[in-house]
PDB file of all heavy atoms in Angstrom:
ATOM      1  N   ASP A   1       1.655  15.186   2.611  1.00  0.00           N
ATOM      2  CA  ASP A   1       1.822  15.240   1.157  1.00  0.00           C
ATOM      3  C   ASP A   1       0.706  14.490   0.447  1.00  0.00           C
ATOM      4  O   ASP A   1       0.242  14.913  -0.622  1.00  0.00           O
ATOM      5  CB  ASP A   1       3.181  14.654   0.765  1.00  0.00           C
ATOM      6  CG  ASP A   1       4.328  15.616   1.016  1.00  0.00           C
ATOM      7  OD1 ASP A   1       4.052  16.821   1.219  1.00  0.00           O
ATOM      8  OD2 ASP A   1       5.490  15.174   1.014  1.00  0.00           O
ATOM      9  N   PHE A   2       0.292  13.351   1.025  1.00  0.00           N
ATOM     10  CA  PHE A   2      -0.807  12.606   0.407  1.00  0.00           C
ATOM     11  C   PHE A   2      -2.060  13.464   0.359  1.00  0.00           C
ATOM     12  O   PHE A   2      -2.724  13.555  -0.693  1.00  0.00           O
ATOM     13  CB  PHE A   2      -1.103  11.315   1.174  1.00  0.00           C
ATOM     14  CG  PHE A   2      -2.379  10.652   0.736  1.00  0.00           C
ATOM     15  CD1 PHE A   2      -2.441   9.962  -0.467  1.00  0.00           C
ATOM     16  CD2 PHE A   2      -3.526  10.762   1.505  1.00  0.00           C
ATOM     17  CE1 PHE A   2      -3.634   9.391  -0.896  1.00  0.00           C
ATOM     18  CE2 PHE A   2      -4.725  10.196   1.088  1.00  0.00           C
ATOM     19  CZ  PHE A   2      -4.778   9.499  -0.114  1.00  0.00           C
ATOM     20  N   LEU A   3      -2.419  14.090   1.470  1.00  0.00           N
ATOM     21  CA  LEU A   3      -3.636  14.903   1.516  1.00  0.00           C
ATOM     22  C   LEU A   3      -3.547  16.088   0.547  1.00  0.00           C
ATOM     23  O   LEU A   3      -4.521  16.403  -0.148  1.00  0.00           O
ATOM     24  CB  LEU A   3      -3.877  15.406   2.936  1.00  0.00           C
ATOM     25  CG  LEU A   3      -4.238  14.337   3.972  1.00  0.00           C
ATOM     26  CD1 LEU A   3      -4.261  14.942   5.378  1.00  0.00           C
ATOM     27  CD2 LEU A   3      -5.582  13.693   3.657  1.00  0.00           C
ATOM     28  N   GLU A   4      -2.389  16.714   0.494  1.00  0.00           N
ATOM     29  CA  GLU A   4      -2.233  17.917  -0.322  1.00  0.00           C
ATOM     30  C   GLU A   4      -2.197  17.611  -1.821  1.00  0.00           C
ATOM     31  O   GLU A   4      -2.842  18.310  -2.615  1.00  0.00           O
ATOM     32  CB  GLU A   4      -0.950  18.646   0.081  1.00  0.00           C
ATOM     33  CG  GLU A   4      -0.701  19.951  -0.679  1.00  0.00           C
ATOM     34  CD  GLU A   4      -1.735  21.017  -0.361  1.00  0.00           C
ATOM     35  OE1 GLU A   4      -2.332  20.979   0.739  1.00  0.00           O
ATOM     36  OE2 GLU A   4      -1.951  21.900  -1.216  1.00  0.00           O
ATOM     37  N   HIS A   5      -1.475  16.561  -2.214  1.00  0.00           N
ATOM     38  CA  HIS A   5      -1.218  16.340  -3.636  1.00  0.00           C
ATOM     39  C   HIS A   5      -2.146  15.315  -4.290  1.00  0.00           C
ATOM     40  O   HIS A   5      -2.246  15.280  -5.525  1.00  0.00           O
ATOM     41  CB  HIS A   5       0.236  15.914  -3.833  1.00  0.00           C
ATOM     42  CG  HIS A   5       1.228  16.941  -3.394  1.00  0.00           C
ATOM     43  ND1 HIS A   5       1.348  18.174  -4.005  1.00  0.00           N
ATOM     44  CD2 HIS A   5       2.138  16.926  -2.385  1.00  0.00           C
ATOM     45  CE1 HIS A   5       2.291  18.877  -3.404  1.00  0.00           C
ATOM     46  NE2 HIS A   5       2.794  18.139  -2.419  1.00  0.00           N
ATOM     47  N   TYR A   6      -2.822  14.492  -3.484  1.00  0.00           N
ATOM     48  CA  TYR A   6      -3.651  13.433  -4.076  1.00  0.00           C
ATOM     49  C   TYR A   6      -5.084  13.423  -3.549  1.00  0.00           C
ATOM     50  O   TYR A   6      -6.020  13.377  -4.339  1.00  0.00           O
ATOM     51  CB  TYR A   6      -2.979  12.076  -3.878  1.00  0.00           C
ATOM     52  CG  TYR A   6      -1.625  12.035  -4.539  1.00  0.00           C
ATOM     53  CD1 TYR A   6      -0.454  12.136  -3.786  1.00  0.00           C
ATOM     54  CD2 TYR A   6      -1.520  11.976  -5.928  1.00  0.00           C
ATOM     55  CE1 TYR A   6       0.790  12.162  -4.403  1.00  0.00           C
ATOM     56  CE2 TYR A   6      -0.280  11.998  -6.556  1.00  0.00           C
ATOM     57  CZ  TYR A   6       0.871  12.095  -5.789  1.00  0.00           C
ATOM     58  OH  TYR A   6       2.095  12.131  -6.405  1.00  0.00           O
ATOM     59  N   PHE A   7      -5.268  13.488  -2.237  1.00  0.00           N
ATOM     60  CA  PHE A   7      -6.640  13.454  -1.730  1.00  0.00           C
ATOM     61  C   PHE A   7      -7.407  14.718  -2.077  1.00  0.00           C
ATOM     62  O   PHE A   7      -8.511  14.650  -2.637  1.00  0.00           O
ATOM     63  CB  PHE A   7      -6.671  13.220  -0.220  1.00  0.00           C
ATOM     64  CG  PHE A   7      -8.054  13.376   0.357  1.00  0.00           C
ATOM     65  CD1 PHE A   7      -9.054  12.447   0.076  1.00  0.00           C
ATOM     66  CD2 PHE A   7      -8.377  14.470   1.145  1.00  0.00           C
ATOM     67  CE1 PHE A   7     -10.337  12.607   0.575  1.00  0.00           C
ATOM     68  CE2 PHE A   7      -9.646  14.640   1.646  1.00  0.00           C
ATOM     69  CZ  PHE A   7     -10.634  13.701   1.365  1.00  0.00           C
ATOM     70  N   LYS A   8      -6.861  15.883  -1.767  1.00  0.00           N
ATOM     71  CA  LYS A   8      -7.590  17.130  -2.019  1.00  0.00           C
ATOM     72  C   LYS A   8      -7.918  17.322  -3.495  1.00  0.00           C
ATOM     73  O   LYS A   8      -9.056  17.649  -3.844  1.00  0.00           O
ATOM     74  CB  LYS A   8      -6.811  18.323  -1.463  1.00  0.00           C
ATOM     75  CG  LYS A   8      -6.819  18.396   0.058  1.00  0.00           C
ATOM     76  CD  LYS A   8      -6.068  19.619   0.550  1.00  0.00           C
ATOM     77  CE  LYS A   8      -6.081  19.687   2.079  1.00  0.00           C
ATOM     78  NZ  LYS A   8      -5.314  20.877   2.581  1.00  0.00           N
ATOM     79  N   PRO A   9      -6.966  17.107  -4.417  1.00  0.00           N
ATOM     80  CA  PRO A   9      -7.307  17.230  -5.846  1.00  0.00           C
ATOM     81  C   PRO A   9      -7.965  15.984  -6.416  1.00  0.00           C
ATOM     82  O   PRO A   9      -8.289  15.956  -7.601  1.00  0.00           O
ATOM     83  CB  PRO A   9      -5.956  17.498  -6.502  1.00  0.00           C
ATOM     84  CG  PRO A   9      -4.966  16.849  -5.605  1.00  0.00           C
ATOM     85  CD  PRO A   9      -5.508  16.998  -4.212  1.00  0.00           C
ATOM     86  N   GLN A  10      -8.137  14.935  -5.589  1.00  0.00           N
ATOM     87  CA  GLN A  10      -8.771  13.691  -6.020  1.00  0.00           C
ATOM     88  C   GLN A  10      -8.052  13.097  -7.235  1.00  0.00           C
ATOM     89  O   GLN A  10      -8.640  12.901  -8.311  1.00  0.00           O
ATOM     90  CB  GLN A  10     -10.259  13.908  -6.296  1.00  0.00           C
ATOM     91  CG  GLN A  10     -11.091  14.135  -5.048  1.00  0.00           C
ATOM     92  CD  GLN A  10     -11.295  12.852  -4.228  1.00  0.00           C
ATOM     93  OE1 GLN A  10     -12.158  12.045  -4.523  1.00  0.00           O
ATOM     94  NE2 GLN A  10     -10.473  12.670  -3.199  1.00  0.00           N
ATOM     95  N   LYS A  11      -6.781  12.791  -7.033  1.00  0.00           N
ATOM     96  CA  LYS A  11      -5.959  12.180  -8.070  1.00  0.00           C
ATOM     97  C   LYS A  11      -5.403  10.846  -7.552  1.00  0.00           C
ATOM     98  O   LYS A  11      -5.017  10.750  -6.390  1.00  0.00           O
ATOM     99  CB  LYS A  11      -4.805  13.106  -8.463  1.00  0.00           C
ATOM    100  CG  LYS A  11      -5.255  14.396  -9.138  1.00  0.00           C
ATOM    101  CD  LYS A  11      -4.049  15.258  -9.505  1.00  0.00           C
ATOM    102  CE  LYS A  11      -4.475  16.529 -10.218  1.00  0.00           C
ATOM    103  NZ  LYS A  11      -3.305  17.387 -10.580  1.00  0.00           N
ATOM    104  N   PRO A  12      -5.330   9.831  -8.409  1.00  0.00           N
ATOM    105  CA  PRO A  12      -4.811   8.538  -7.970  1.00  0.00           C
ATOM    106  C   PRO A  12      -3.296   8.560  -7.821  1.00  0.00           C
ATOM    107  O   PRO A  12      -2.604   9.389  -8.416  1.00  0.00           O
ATOM    108  CB  PRO A  12      -5.237   7.596  -9.094  1.00  0.00           C
ATOM    109  CG  PRO A  12      -5.286   8.472 -10.310  1.00  0.00           C
ATOM    110  CD  PRO A  12      -5.760   9.818  -9.825  1.00  0.00           C
ATOM    111  N   VAL A  13      -2.787   7.618  -7.031  1.00  0.00           N
ATOM    112  CA  VAL A  13      -1.347   7.482  -6.858  1.00  0.00           C
ATOM    113  C   VAL A  13      -1.045   6.042  -6.448  1.00  0.00           C
ATOM    114  O   VAL A  13      -1.865   5.387  -5.793  1.00  0.00           O
ATOM    115  CB  VAL A  13      -0.794   8.475  -5.798  1.00  0.00           C
ATOM    116  CG1 VAL A  13      -1.379   8.193  -4.420  1.00  0.00           C
ATOM    117  CG2 VAL A  13       0.721   8.472  -5.759  1.00  0.00           C
ATOM    118  N   VAL A  14       0.125   5.548  -6.840  1.00  0.00           N
ATOM    119  CA  VAL A  14       0.622   4.254  -6.372  1.00  0.00           C
ATOM    120  C   VAL A  14       1.740   4.519  -5.372  1.00  0.00           C
ATOM    121  O   VAL A  14       2.685   5.253  -5.666  1.00  0.00           O
ATOM    122  CB  VAL A  14       1.154   3.391  -7.531  1.00  0.00           C
ATOM    123  CG1 VAL A  14       1.809   2.115  -6.985  1.00  0.00           C
ATOM    124  CG2 VAL A  14       0.041   3.044  -8.499  1.00  0.00           C
ATOM    125  N   ILE A  15       1.615   3.926  -4.178  1.00  0.00           N
ATOM    126  CA  ILE A  15       2.650   4.030  -3.144  1.00  0.00           C
ATOM    127  C   ILE A  15       3.362   2.683  -3.104  1.00  0.00           C
ATOM    128  O   ILE A  15       2.756   1.660  -2.791  1.00  0.00           O
ATOM    129  CB  ILE A  15       2.030   4.371  -1.787  1.00  0.00           C
ATOM    130  CG1 ILE A  15       1.116   5.596  -1.911  1.00  0.00           C
ATOM    131  CG2 ILE A  15       3.137   4.645  -0.759  1.00  0.00           C
ATOM    132  CD1 ILE A  15       0.274   5.862  -0.683  1.00  0.00           C
ATOM    133  N   GLU A  16       4.634   2.688  -3.423  1.00  0.00           N
ATOM    134  CA  GLU A  16       5.344   1.438  -3.678  1.00  0.00           C
ATOM    135  C   GLU A  16       5.827   0.717  -2.417  1.00  0.00           C
ATOM    136  O   GLU A  16       5.916  -0.508  -2.387  1.00  0.00           O
ATOM    137  CB  GLU A  16       6.537   1.706  -4.599  1.00  0.00           C
ATOM    138  CG  GLU A  16       6.116   2.206  -5.979  1.00  0.00           C
ATOM    139  CD  GLU A  16       7.291   2.571  -6.851  1.00  0.00           C
ATOM    140  OE1 GLU A  16       8.384   2.884  -6.292  1.00  0.00           O
ATOM    141  OE2 GLU A  16       7.140   2.552  -8.086  1.00  0.00           O
ATOM    142  N   ARG A  17       6.142   1.469  -1.361  1.00  0.00           N
ATOM    143  CA  ARG A  17       6.781   0.833  -0.197  1.00  0.00           C
ATOM    144  C   ARG A  17       6.081   1.219   1.107  1.00  0.00           C
ATOM    145  O   ARG A  17       6.721   1.440   2.131  1.00  0.00           O
ATOM    146  CB  ARG A  17       8.255   1.218  -0.147  1.00  0.00           C
ATOM    147  CG  ARG A  17       9.023   0.872  -1.421  1.00  0.00           C
ATOM    148  CD  ARG A  17      10.498   1.167  -1.301  1.00  0.00           C
ATOM    149  NE  ARG A  17      11.133   0.333  -0.285  1.00  0.00           N
ATOM    150  CZ  ARG A  17      12.436   0.396   0.011  1.00  0.00           C
ATOM    151  NH1 ARG A  17      13.224   1.242  -0.633  1.00  0.00           N
ATOM    152  NH2 ARG A  17      12.930  -0.390   0.937  1.00  0.00           N
ATOM    153  N   ALA A  18       4.760   1.228   1.080  1.00  0.00           N
ATOM    154  CA  ALA A  18       3.994   1.672   2.249  1.00  0.00           C
ATOM    155  C   ALA A  18       3.810   0.591   3.299  1.00  0.00           C
ATOM    156  O   ALA A  18       3.509   0.889   4.452  1.00  0.00           O
ATOM    157  CB  ALA A  18       2.628   2.196   1.808  1.00  0.00           C
ATOM    158  N   ILE A  19       3.967  -0.698   2.917  1.00  0.00           N
ATOM    159  CA  ILE A  19       3.592  -1.767   3.853  1.00  0.00           C
ATOM    160  C   ILE A  19       4.718  -2.777   4.080  1.00  0.00           C
ATOM    161  O   ILE A  19       4.468  -3.896   4.509  1.00  0.00           O
ATOM    162  CB  ILE A  19       2.328  -2.500   3.370  1.00  0.00           C
ATOM    163  CG1 ILE A  19       2.580  -3.230   2.033  1.00  0.00           C
ATOM    164  CG2 ILE A  19       1.169  -1.538   3.228  1.00  0.00           C
ATOM    165  CD1 ILE A  19       1.466  -4.182   1.656  1.00  0.00           C
ATOM    166  N   GLU A  20       5.951  -2.376   3.843  1.00  0.00           N
ATOM    167  CA  GLU A  20       7.052  -3.319   4.023  1.00  0.00           C
ATOM    168  C   GLU A  20       7.268  -3.700   5.485  1.00  0.00           C
ATOM    169  O   GLU A  20       7.957  -4.681   5.785  1.00  0.00           O
ATOM    170  CB  GLU A  20       8.327  -2.749   3.410  1.00  0.00           C
ATOM    171  CG  GLU A  20       8.267  -2.706   1.889  1.00  0.00           C
ATOM    172  CD  GLU A  20       9.566  -2.241   1.266  1.00  0.00           C
ATOM    173  OE1 GLU A  20      10.500  -1.891   2.026  1.00  0.00           O
ATOM    174  OE2 GLU A  20       9.644  -2.222   0.027  1.00  0.00           O
ATOM    175  N   ASN A  21       6.665  -2.934   6.416  1.00  0.00           N
ATOM    176  CA  ASN A  21       6.762  -3.283   7.835  1.00  0.00           C
ATOM    177  C   ASN A  21       5.617  -4.190   8.283  1.00  0.00           C
ATOM    178  O   ASN A  21       5.591  -4.621   9.433  1.00  0.00           O
ATOM    179  CB  ASN A  21       6.772  -2.011   8.697  1.00  0.00           C
ATOM    180  CG  ASN A  21       5.493  -1.203   8.549  1.00  0.00           C
ATOM    181  OD1 ASN A  21       4.858  -1.217   7.498  1.00  0.00           O
ATOM    182  ND2 ASN A  21       5.111  -0.476   9.591  1.00  0.00           N
ATOM    183  N   TRP A  22       4.668  -4.488   7.414  1.00  0.00           N
ATOM    184  CA  TRP A  22       3.582  -5.410   7.754  1.00  0.00           C
ATOM    185  C   TRP A  22       4.097  -6.846   7.723  1.00  0.00           C
ATOM    186  O   TRP A  22       4.832  -7.224   6.792  1.00  0.00           O
ATOM    187  CB  TRP A  22       2.447  -5.304   6.743  1.00  0.00           C
ATOM    188  CG  TRP A  22       1.583  -4.105   6.815  1.00  0.00           C
ATOM    189  CD1 TRP A  22       1.759  -2.973   7.558  1.00  0.00           C
ATOM    190  CD2 TRP A  22       0.374  -3.898   6.058  1.00  0.00           C
ATOM    191  NE1 TRP A  22       0.738  -2.079   7.322  1.00  0.00           N
ATOM    192  CE2 TRP A  22      -0.118  -2.622   6.412  1.00  0.00           C
ATOM    193  CE3 TRP A  22      -0.321  -4.667   5.129  1.00  0.00           C
ATOM    194  CZ2 TRP A  22      -1.295  -2.105   5.860  1.00  0.00           C
ATOM    195  CZ3 TRP A  22      -1.485  -4.157   4.581  1.00  0.00           C
ATOM    196  CH2 TRP A  22      -1.972  -2.889   4.947  1.00  0.00           C
ATOM    197  N   PRO A  23       3.678  -7.701   8.644  1.00  0.00           N
ATOM    198  CA  PRO A  23       3.937  -9.134   8.486  1.00  0.00           C
ATOM    199  C   PRO A  23       3.388  -9.674   7.164  1.00  0.00           C
ATOM    200  O   PRO A  23       3.972 -10.576   6.561  1.00  0.00           O
ATOM    201  CB  PRO A  23       3.224  -9.746   9.688  1.00  0.00           C
ATOM    202  CG  PRO A  23       3.227  -8.668  10.722  1.00  0.00           C
ATOM    203  CD  PRO A  23       3.059  -7.388   9.948  1.00  0.00           C
ATOM    204  N   ALA A  24       2.280  -9.096   6.706  1.00  0.00           N
ATOM    205  CA  ALA A  24       1.668  -9.548   5.456  1.00  0.00           C
ATOM    206  C   ALA A  24       2.601  -9.405   4.267  1.00  0.00           C
ATOM    207  O   ALA A  24       2.504 -10.168   3.296  1.00  0.00           O
ATOM    208  CB  ALA A  24       0.375  -8.769   5.188  1.00  0.00           C
ATOM    209  N   PHE A  25       3.502  -8.424   4.322  1.00  0.00           N
ATOM    210  CA  PHE A  25       4.395  -8.194   3.185  1.00  0.00           C
ATOM    211  C   PHE A  25       5.216  -9.444   2.883  1.00  0.00           C
ATOM    212  O   PHE A  25       5.444  -9.791   1.721  1.00  0.00           O
ATOM    213  CB  PHE A  25       5.309  -7.005   3.459  1.00  0.00           C
ATOM    214  CG  PHE A  25       6.221  -6.663   2.321  1.00  0.00           C
ATOM    215  CD1 PHE A  25       5.757  -5.956   1.223  1.00  0.00           C
ATOM    216  CD2 PHE A  25       7.552  -7.058   2.336  1.00  0.00           C
ATOM    217  CE1 PHE A  25       6.600  -5.651   0.156  1.00  0.00           C
ATOM    218  CE2 PHE A  25       8.399  -6.753   1.281  1.00  0.00           C
ATOM    219  CZ  PHE A  25       7.916  -6.048   0.194  1.00  0.00           C
ATOM    220  N   ASP A  26       5.671 -10.130   3.920  1.00  0.00           N
ATOM    221  CA  ASP A  26       6.460 -11.346   3.738  1.00  0.00           C
ATOM    222  C   ASP A  26       5.605 -12.612   3.730  1.00  0.00           C
ATOM    223  O   ASP A  26       5.957 -13.599   3.072  1.00  0.00           O
ATOM    224  CB  ASP A  26       7.500 -11.461   4.856  1.00  0.00           C
ATOM    225  CG  ASP A  26       8.537 -10.351   4.810  1.00  0.00           C
ATOM    226  OD1 ASP A  26       9.023 -10.040   3.704  1.00  0.00           O
ATOM    227  OD2 ASP A  26       8.848  -9.781   5.872  1.00  0.00           O
ATOM    228  N   LYS A  27       4.490 -12.599   4.436  1.00  0.00           N
ATOM    229  CA  LYS A  27       3.709 -13.817   4.633  1.00  0.00           C
ATOM    230  C   LYS A  27       2.632 -14.053   3.581  1.00  0.00           C
ATOM    231  O   LYS A  27       2.342 -15.197   3.224  1.00  0.00           O
ATOM    232  CB  LYS A  27       3.036 -13.796   6.013  1.00  0.00           C
ATOM    233  CG  LYS A  27       3.997 -13.843   7.175  1.00  0.00           C
ATOM    234  CD  LYS A  27       3.325 -13.512   8.493  1.00  0.00           C
ATOM    235  CE  LYS A  27       2.240 -14.498   8.870  1.00  0.00           C
ATOM    236  NZ  LYS A  27       1.674 -14.187  10.209  1.00  0.00           N
ATOM    237  N   TRP A  28       2.024 -12.979   3.100  1.00  0.00           N
ATOM    238  CA  TRP A  28       0.821 -13.151   2.292  1.00  0.00           C
ATOM    239  C   TRP A  28       1.146 -13.578   0.865  1.00  0.00           C
ATOM    240  O   TRP A  28       1.706 -12.817   0.070  1.00  0.00           O
ATOM    241  CB  TRP A  28      -0.005 -11.875   2.277  1.00  0.00           C
ATOM    242  CG  TRP A  28      -0.826 -11.700   3.528  1.00  0.00           C
ATOM    243  CD1 TRP A  28      -0.603 -12.294   4.741  1.00  0.00           C
ATOM    244  CD2 TRP A  28      -1.972 -10.871   3.700  1.00  0.00           C
ATOM    245  NE1 TRP A  28      -1.538 -11.894   5.656  1.00  0.00           N
ATOM    246  CE2 TRP A  28      -2.393 -11.017   5.053  1.00  0.00           C
ATOM    247  CE3 TRP A  28      -2.675 -10.015   2.858  1.00  0.00           C
ATOM    248  CZ2 TRP A  28      -3.501 -10.335   5.556  1.00  0.00           C
ATOM    249  CZ3 TRP A  28      -3.779  -9.328   3.371  1.00  0.00           C
ATOM    250  CH2 TRP A  28      -4.194  -9.493   4.701  1.00  0.00           C
ATOM    251  N   ASN A  29       0.823 -14.817   0.567  1.00  0.00           N
ATOM    252  CA  ASN A  29       0.843 -15.344  -0.793  1.00  0.00           C
ATOM    253  C   ASN A  29      -0.235 -16.415  -0.868  1.00  0.00           C
ATOM    254  O   ASN A  29      -0.910 -16.709   0.131  1.00  0.00           O
ATOM    255  CB  ASN A  29       2.230 -15.895  -1.161  1.00  0.00           C
ATOM    256  CG  ASN A  29       2.730 -16.935  -0.164  1.00  0.00           C
ATOM    257  OD1 ASN A  29       1.967 -17.803   0.285  1.00  0.00           O
ATOM    258  ND2 ASN A  29       4.004 -16.861   0.185  1.00  0.00           N
ATOM    259  N   LEU A  30      -0.413 -16.999  -2.021  1.00  0.00           N
ATOM    260  CA  LEU A  30      -1.507 -17.962  -2.191  1.00  0.00           C
ATOM    261  C   LEU A  30      -1.314 -19.205  -1.324  1.00  0.00           C
ATOM    262  O   LEU A  30      -2.296 -19.766  -0.809  1.00  0.00           O
ATOM    263  CB  LEU A  30      -1.640 -18.336  -3.663  1.00  0.00           C
ATOM    264  CG  LEU A  30      -2.155 -17.218  -4.577  1.00  0.00           C
ATOM    265  CD1 LEU A  30      -2.041 -17.627  -6.035  1.00  0.00           C
ATOM    266  CD2 LEU A  30      -3.605 -16.864  -4.241  1.00  0.00           C
ATOM    267  N   ASP A  31      -0.074 -19.640  -1.146  1.00  0.00           N
ATOM    268  CA  ASP A  31       0.169 -20.818  -0.308  1.00  0.00           C
ATOM    269  C   ASP A  31      -0.235 -20.552   1.143  1.00  0.00           C
ATOM    270  O   ASP A  31      -0.800 -21.419   1.814  1.00  0.00           O
ATOM    271  CB  ASP A  31       1.638 -21.223  -0.370  1.00  0.00           C
ATOM    272  CG  ASP A  31       2.015 -21.826  -1.716  1.00  0.00           C
ATOM    273  OD1 ASP A  31       1.121 -22.383  -2.382  1.00  0.00           O
ATOM    274  OD2 ASP A  31       3.183 -21.731  -2.105  1.00  0.00           O
ATOM    275  N   TYR A  32       0.059 -19.344   1.627  1.00  0.00           N
ATOM    276  CA  TYR A  32      -0.304 -18.989   3.006  1.00  0.00           C
ATOM    277  C   TYR A  32      -1.824 -18.945   3.165  1.00  0.00           C
ATOM    278  O   TYR A  32      -2.366 -19.447   4.166  1.00  0.00           O
ATOM    279  CB  TYR A  32       0.313 -17.639   3.352  1.00  0.00           C
ATOM    280  CG  TYR A  32       0.000 -17.149   4.749  1.00  0.00           C
ATOM    281  CD1 TYR A  32       0.452 -17.836   5.870  1.00  0.00           C
ATOM    282  CD2 TYR A  32      -0.736 -15.982   4.946  1.00  0.00           C
ATOM    283  CE1 TYR A  32       0.182 -17.374   7.151  1.00  0.00           C
ATOM    284  CE2 TYR A  32      -1.013 -15.510   6.217  1.00  0.00           C
ATOM    285  CZ  TYR A  32      -0.559 -16.213   7.318  1.00  0.00           C
ATOM    286  OH  TYR A  32      -0.834 -15.755   8.585  1.00  0.00           O
ATOM    287  N   ILE A  33      -2.510 -18.362   2.198  1.00  0.00           N
ATOM    288  CA  ILE A  33      -3.974 -18.312   2.259  1.00  0.00           C
ATOM    289  C   ILE A  33      -4.546 -19.721   2.241  1.00  0.00           C
ATOM    290  O   ILE A  33      -5.491 -20.039   2.979  1.00  0.00           O
ATOM    291  CB  ILE A  33      -4.524 -17.482   1.085  1.00  0.00           C
ATOM    292  CG1 ILE A  33      -4.066 -16.020   1.192  1.00  0.00           C
ATOM    293  CG2 ILE A  33      -6.041 -17.557   1.046  1.00  0.00           C
ATOM    294  CD1 ILE A  33      -4.546 -15.282   2.407  1.00  0.00           C
ATOM    295  N   LYS A  34      -3.977 -20.585   1.430  1.00  0.00           N
ATOM    296  CA  LYS A  34      -4.446 -21.978   1.380  1.00  0.00           C
ATOM    297  C   LYS A  34      -4.234 -22.664   2.721  1.00  0.00           C
ATOM    298  O   LYS A  34      -5.094 -23.428   3.185  1.00  0.00           O
ATOM    299  CB  LYS A  34      -3.696 -22.728   0.271  1.00  0.00           C
ATOM    300  CG  LYS A  34      -4.085 -24.191   0.140  1.00  0.00           C
ATOM    301  CD  LYS A  34      -3.295 -24.869  -0.986  1.00  0.00           C
ATOM    302  CE  LYS A  34      -3.631 -26.354  -1.074  1.00  0.00           C
ATOM    303  NZ  LYS A  34      -2.871 -27.027  -2.173  1.00  0.00           N
TER     304      LYS A  34
END
């Protein structure tokens, strides 16, 4: 669907829940970077 509806026509999109399985989703904040 991404390729058909956004990449091929070159249109932007926001994907809201694409990385909830990443450790970064819970870990990455400014305190962690510090």
